[in-house]
N, C-alpha and C. Protein backbone atom coordinates (compact mmCIF):
# COMPACT_ATOMS: atom_id res chain seq x y z
N MET A 1 125.55 80.79 86.44
CA MET A 1 124.30 81.46 85.71
C MET A 1 123.11 81.00 86.60
N SER A 2 122.00 82.36 86.36
CA SER A 2 120.80 82.17 86.87
C SER A 2 119.95 81.21 86.62
N GLU A 3 119.31 80.32 87.39
CA GLU A 3 118.16 79.51 86.65
C GLU A 3 117.09 80.02 86.17
N SER A 4 116.81 81.41 86.75
CA SER A 4 115.87 82.12 85.68
C SER A 4 115.90 82.78 84.27
N ASN A 5 117.26 82.85 84.21
CA ASN A 5 117.59 83.68 83.01
C ASN A 5 118.30 82.38 82.21
N LYS A 6 117.20 81.64 81.54
CA LYS A 6 117.89 80.57 80.33
C LYS A 6 117.25 81.30 79.02
N LEU A 7 116.33 82.11 78.90
CA LEU A 7 116.05 82.64 77.51
C LEU A 7 117.24 83.55 76.71
N GLY A 8 118.08 84.17 77.41
CA GLY A 8 119.22 84.99 77.25
C GLY A 8 120.21 84.07 76.28
N PRO A 9 120.55 83.07 77.21
CA PRO A 9 121.76 82.25 76.43
C PRO A 9 121.13 81.54 75.26
N TYR A 10 119.97 80.70 75.45
CA TYR A 10 119.31 80.21 74.18
C TYR A 10 119.22 81.06 72.96
N ILE A 11 118.86 82.48 73.24
CA ILE A 11 119.01 83.17 72.08
C ILE A 11 120.34 83.67 71.54
N GLN A 12 121.30 83.81 72.39
CA GLN A 12 122.57 84.08 72.03
C GLN A 12 122.90 82.42 71.07
N ARG A 13 122.82 81.49 71.62
CA ARG A 13 123.53 80.24 70.99
C ARG A 13 122.65 80.18 69.68
N LEU A 14 121.34 80.39 69.21
CA LEU A 14 120.70 80.66 68.22
C LEU A 14 121.35 81.67 67.10
N MET A 15 121.72 83.05 67.36
CA MET A 15 122.42 83.69 66.73
C MET A 15 123.72 83.43 66.29
N THR A 16 124.60 82.90 67.26
CA THR A 16 125.72 82.67 66.70
C THR A 16 125.95 81.45 65.83
N THR A 17 124.83 80.36 65.73
CA THR A 17 124.33 79.32 65.21
C THR A 17 124.18 79.84 63.61
N ILE A 18 123.39 80.96 63.23
CA ILE A 18 122.90 81.38 62.37
C ILE A 18 124.23 82.38 61.72
N LEU A 19 125.12 82.87 62.75
CA LEU A 19 126.40 83.44 61.84
C LEU A 19 127.46 82.44 61.63
N ASP A 20 127.39 81.20 62.18
CA ASP A 20 128.49 80.38 61.93
C ASP A 20 128.46 80.09 60.37
N LYS A 21 129.38 80.30 60.02
CA LYS A 21 129.77 80.09 58.30
C LYS A 21 129.83 78.31 58.17
N GLU A 22 130.25 77.98 58.89
CA GLU A 22 130.45 76.24 58.77
C GLU A 22 129.21 75.44 59.33
N GLN A 23 128.19 76.25 59.72
CA GLN A 23 126.69 75.30 60.06
C GLN A 23 126.23 74.99 58.73
N GLU A 24 125.57 73.91 58.48
CA GLU A 24 124.71 73.77 57.37
C GLU A 24 123.51 74.39 57.32
N GLU A 25 123.29 74.79 55.87
CA GLU A 25 122.07 75.61 55.67
C GLU A 25 120.85 74.98 56.25
N PHE A 26 120.47 74.04 56.56
CA PHE A 26 119.29 73.58 57.21
C PHE A 26 119.11 73.79 58.61
N VAL A 27 120.26 73.57 59.32
CA VAL A 27 120.64 74.16 60.78
C VAL A 27 120.59 75.49 60.86
N THR A 28 121.20 76.69 60.06
CA THR A 28 121.25 77.81 59.81
C THR A 28 119.49 78.10 60.06
N ASN A 29 118.57 77.67 58.87
CA ASN A 29 117.39 77.92 58.62
C ASN A 29 116.48 77.71 59.74
N LEU A 30 117.02 76.66 60.73
CA LEU A 30 116.56 76.37 61.65
C LEU A 30 116.28 77.18 62.72
N ALA A 31 117.62 77.45 63.15
CA ALA A 31 117.80 78.36 64.15
C ALA A 31 116.98 79.81 63.89
N LEU A 32 117.13 80.32 62.65
CA LEU A 32 116.25 81.47 61.98
C LEU A 32 114.82 81.29 62.39
N SER A 33 114.07 80.12 62.20
CA SER A 33 113.02 80.02 62.30
C SER A 33 112.46 80.28 64.05
N GLU A 34 113.33 79.44 64.63
CA GLU A 34 113.13 79.51 66.28
C GLU A 34 113.26 80.99 66.63
N LEU A 35 114.33 82.28 65.99
CA LEU A 35 114.12 83.17 66.56
C LEU A 35 113.08 83.86 65.99
N LYS A 36 112.18 83.50 65.08
CA LYS A 36 111.33 84.52 64.38
C LYS A 36 110.14 83.92 65.10
N ARG A 37 110.04 82.88 65.55
CA ARG A 37 109.00 82.40 66.37
C ARG A 37 109.03 83.10 67.81
N LEU A 38 110.27 83.08 68.62
CA LEU A 38 110.40 83.72 69.77
C LEU A 38 110.09 85.20 69.57
N ASN A 39 110.80 85.97 68.51
CA ASN A 39 110.24 86.87 68.06
C ASN A 39 108.73 87.76 68.19
N SER A 40 108.26 86.77 67.61
CA SER A 40 106.94 87.03 67.71
C SER A 40 105.93 86.73 68.90
N ASP A 41 106.47 85.43 69.64
CA ASP A 41 106.20 85.36 71.14
C ASP A 41 106.41 86.46 72.03
N ILE A 42 107.56 87.34 72.03
CA ILE A 42 108.03 88.05 72.90
C ILE A 42 107.16 89.62 72.40
N HIS A 43 106.69 89.45 71.08
CA HIS A 43 106.17 90.75 70.80
C HIS A 43 104.69 90.78 71.41
N ASP A 44 104.21 89.66 71.03
CA ASP A 44 102.85 89.35 71.59
C ASP A 44 102.42 89.42 73.13
N PHE A 45 103.71 88.86 73.88
CA PHE A 45 103.38 89.40 75.51
C PHE A 45 103.55 90.97 75.68
N VAL A 46 104.60 91.38 74.94
CA VAL A 46 104.60 92.82 74.78
C VAL A 46 103.46 93.81 74.93
N ILE A 47 102.68 93.22 73.64
CA ILE A 47 101.41 94.06 73.39
C ILE A 47 100.25 93.81 74.41
N LYS A 48 100.21 92.74 75.12
CA LYS A 48 99.38 92.33 75.93
C LYS A 48 99.52 92.99 76.93
N ASN A 49 100.64 93.06 77.30
CA ASN A 49 101.26 93.61 79.03
C ASN A 49 101.26 94.92 79.01
N GLU A 50 101.10 95.55 77.86
CA GLU A 50 101.93 97.13 77.82
C GLU A 50 100.82 98.07 78.63
N VAL A 51 101.38 98.67 78.90
CA VAL A 51 100.21 100.14 80.01
C VAL A 51 99.88 101.06 78.82
N PRO A 52 98.10 100.86 78.43
CA PRO A 52 98.18 102.01 77.95
C PRO A 52 98.12 103.28 78.20
N GLU A 53 98.68 104.02 77.08
CA GLU A 53 98.96 105.55 77.29
C GLU A 53 98.25 106.55 78.15
N HIS A 54 96.90 106.29 78.43
CA HIS A 54 96.27 106.72 79.25
C HIS A 54 96.29 106.37 80.31
N GLU A 55 96.69 105.23 81.06
CA GLU A 55 96.92 104.60 82.22
C GLU A 55 98.87 105.20 82.52
N LYS A 56 99.60 105.84 81.73
CA LYS A 56 100.76 106.11 82.25
C LYS A 56 100.83 107.66 82.97
N HIS A 57 100.01 108.19 82.72
CA HIS A 57 99.55 109.74 83.31
C HIS A 57 98.84 109.28 84.77
N THR A 58 99.60 110.02 85.76
CA THR A 58 98.97 109.98 87.20
C THR A 58 97.79 110.21 87.18
N GLU A 59 96.52 110.10 88.24
CA GLU A 59 95.51 110.76 88.34
C GLU A 59 95.60 112.29 88.63
N LYS A 60 96.35 112.69 89.10
CA LYS A 60 96.97 114.18 89.39
C LYS A 60 97.19 115.10 88.10
N GLU A 61 97.82 114.13 87.12
CA GLU A 61 98.06 114.67 85.93
C GLU A 61 97.07 114.74 85.19
N LEU A 62 96.19 113.73 84.87
CA LEU A 62 94.81 113.53 84.06
C LEU A 62 94.03 114.92 84.79
N LEU A 63 93.71 114.83 86.17
CA LEU A 63 92.65 115.80 86.55
C LEU A 63 92.95 117.58 86.35
N THR A 64 94.55 117.65 86.45
CA THR A 64 94.83 119.00 86.29
C THR A 64 94.79 119.19 84.63
N GLU A 65 94.97 117.96 83.76
CA GLU A 65 94.63 118.62 82.16
C GLU A 65 93.28 118.95 82.17
N GLU A 66 92.36 118.09 82.48
CA GLU A 66 90.98 118.01 82.33
C GLU A 66 90.57 119.82 82.83
N ARG A 67 91.16 119.89 83.85
CA ARG A 67 90.49 121.14 84.56
C ARG A 67 91.04 122.48 83.40
N ALA A 68 92.73 122.29 83.37
CA ALA A 68 93.11 123.27 82.26
C ALA A 68 91.88 123.28 80.94
N LYS A 69 91.33 122.44 80.54
CA LYS A 69 90.29 122.76 79.71
C LYS A 69 89.13 123.27 79.83
N GLY A 70 88.82 123.53 80.92
CA GLY A 70 87.62 124.53 81.54
C GLY A 70 86.62 123.58 82.46
N TYR A 71 87.01 122.31 82.74
CA TYR A 71 85.98 121.72 83.30
C TYR A 71 85.85 122.30 84.56
N THR A 72 84.55 121.46 85.50
CA THR A 72 84.54 121.80 86.67
C THR A 72 85.33 120.95 87.52
N LYS A 73 85.54 120.88 88.66
CA LYS A 73 85.96 119.80 89.56
C LYS A 73 85.02 118.37 89.47
N GLU A 74 83.73 118.45 89.59
CA GLU A 74 82.88 117.59 89.33
C GLU A 74 82.99 116.93 88.27
N GLN A 75 83.05 117.83 87.09
CA GLN A 75 83.07 117.28 85.55
C GLN A 75 84.15 116.51 85.76
N THR A 76 85.22 116.90 86.09
CA THR A 76 86.68 116.26 85.92
C THR A 76 86.39 115.19 86.38
N LYS A 77 85.86 114.79 87.74
CA LYS A 77 85.88 113.59 88.73
C LYS A 77 84.89 112.44 88.10
N GLU A 78 83.71 112.97 87.20
CA GLU A 78 83.02 112.07 86.40
C GLU A 78 83.70 111.53 85.27
N TRP A 79 84.37 112.29 84.72
CA TRP A 79 85.31 111.94 83.32
C TRP A 79 86.04 110.82 83.77
N LEU A 80 86.89 110.97 85.09
CA LEU A 80 87.88 110.16 85.36
C LEU A 80 87.35 109.00 85.87
N ASP A 81 86.21 108.85 86.66
CA ASP A 81 85.55 107.53 87.17
C ASP A 81 85.17 106.73 85.77
N SER A 82 84.90 107.61 84.75
CA SER A 82 84.16 106.74 83.63
C SER A 82 85.07 106.31 83.22
N VAL A 83 86.50 106.83 82.61
CA VAL A 83 87.70 106.17 82.06
C VAL A 83 88.04 104.88 82.80
N LYS A 84 88.16 104.89 84.56
CA LYS A 84 88.53 103.98 85.12
C LYS A 84 87.52 102.90 85.23
N ASN A 85 85.81 103.10 85.04
CA ASN A 85 84.85 101.93 85.08
C ASN A 85 85.25 101.31 83.67
N LYS A 86 85.36 102.00 82.66
CA LYS A 86 85.66 101.47 81.04
C LYS A 86 87.07 100.37 80.89
N GLN A 87 88.02 101.15 81.93
CA GLN A 87 89.24 100.06 81.68
C GLN A 87 89.16 98.95 82.75
N GLU A 88 88.35 99.09 83.67
CA GLU A 88 87.94 97.87 84.48
C GLU A 88 87.20 96.69 83.99
N LYS A 89 86.15 97.42 83.14
CA LYS A 89 85.59 96.59 82.37
C LYS A 89 86.34 95.98 81.35
N GLN A 90 87.31 96.49 80.44
CA GLN A 90 88.13 95.91 79.33
C GLN A 90 89.06 94.84 79.97
N ASP A 91 89.28 95.24 81.18
CA ASP A 91 90.52 94.25 81.82
C ASP A 91 89.78 93.05 82.14
N GLY A 92 88.71 93.18 82.62
CA GLY A 92 87.60 92.10 82.98
C GLY A 92 87.35 91.00 81.92
N LYS A 93 87.12 91.86 80.92
CA LYS A 93 87.04 90.95 79.46
C LYS A 93 88.33 90.35 78.94
N LYS A 94 89.37 91.31 78.67
CA LYS A 94 90.73 90.30 78.88
C LYS A 94 90.92 89.33 79.70
N TRP A 95 90.84 89.27 80.92
CA TRP A 95 90.98 88.12 82.23
C TRP A 95 90.25 87.11 81.82
N CYS A 96 88.92 87.49 81.32
CA CYS A 96 88.07 86.04 81.07
C CYS A 96 88.36 85.59 79.63
N LYS A 97 88.69 86.35 78.92
CA LYS A 97 89.77 85.60 77.62
C LYS A 97 90.53 84.65 78.00
N ARG A 98 91.40 85.00 78.84
CA ARG A 98 92.57 84.16 79.14
C ARG A 98 92.18 82.80 79.75
N LEU A 99 91.18 82.93 80.62
CA LEU A 99 90.77 81.73 80.71
C LEU A 99 90.11 80.59 80.16
């Protein structure tokens, strides 16, 4: 088993413990609490590291969409630059909060 993949087997053991009818109720509840904690930690991690929807589009797609709305090339470029600047500021604030 890979050294870097320890969480998978741990979660599997917790689930097996919960499903084991011969386990004491205390042990089952403890395993369930641990799974809930892990679920919350993983959910928080995903939310913090999820790519925002507007970043999933390539710059070319965004430019094409804005041009289709009737904006000039210059207006579209200005808009895209403002979006990038706003995102960079938000990323900087997030980074500072992590410190």
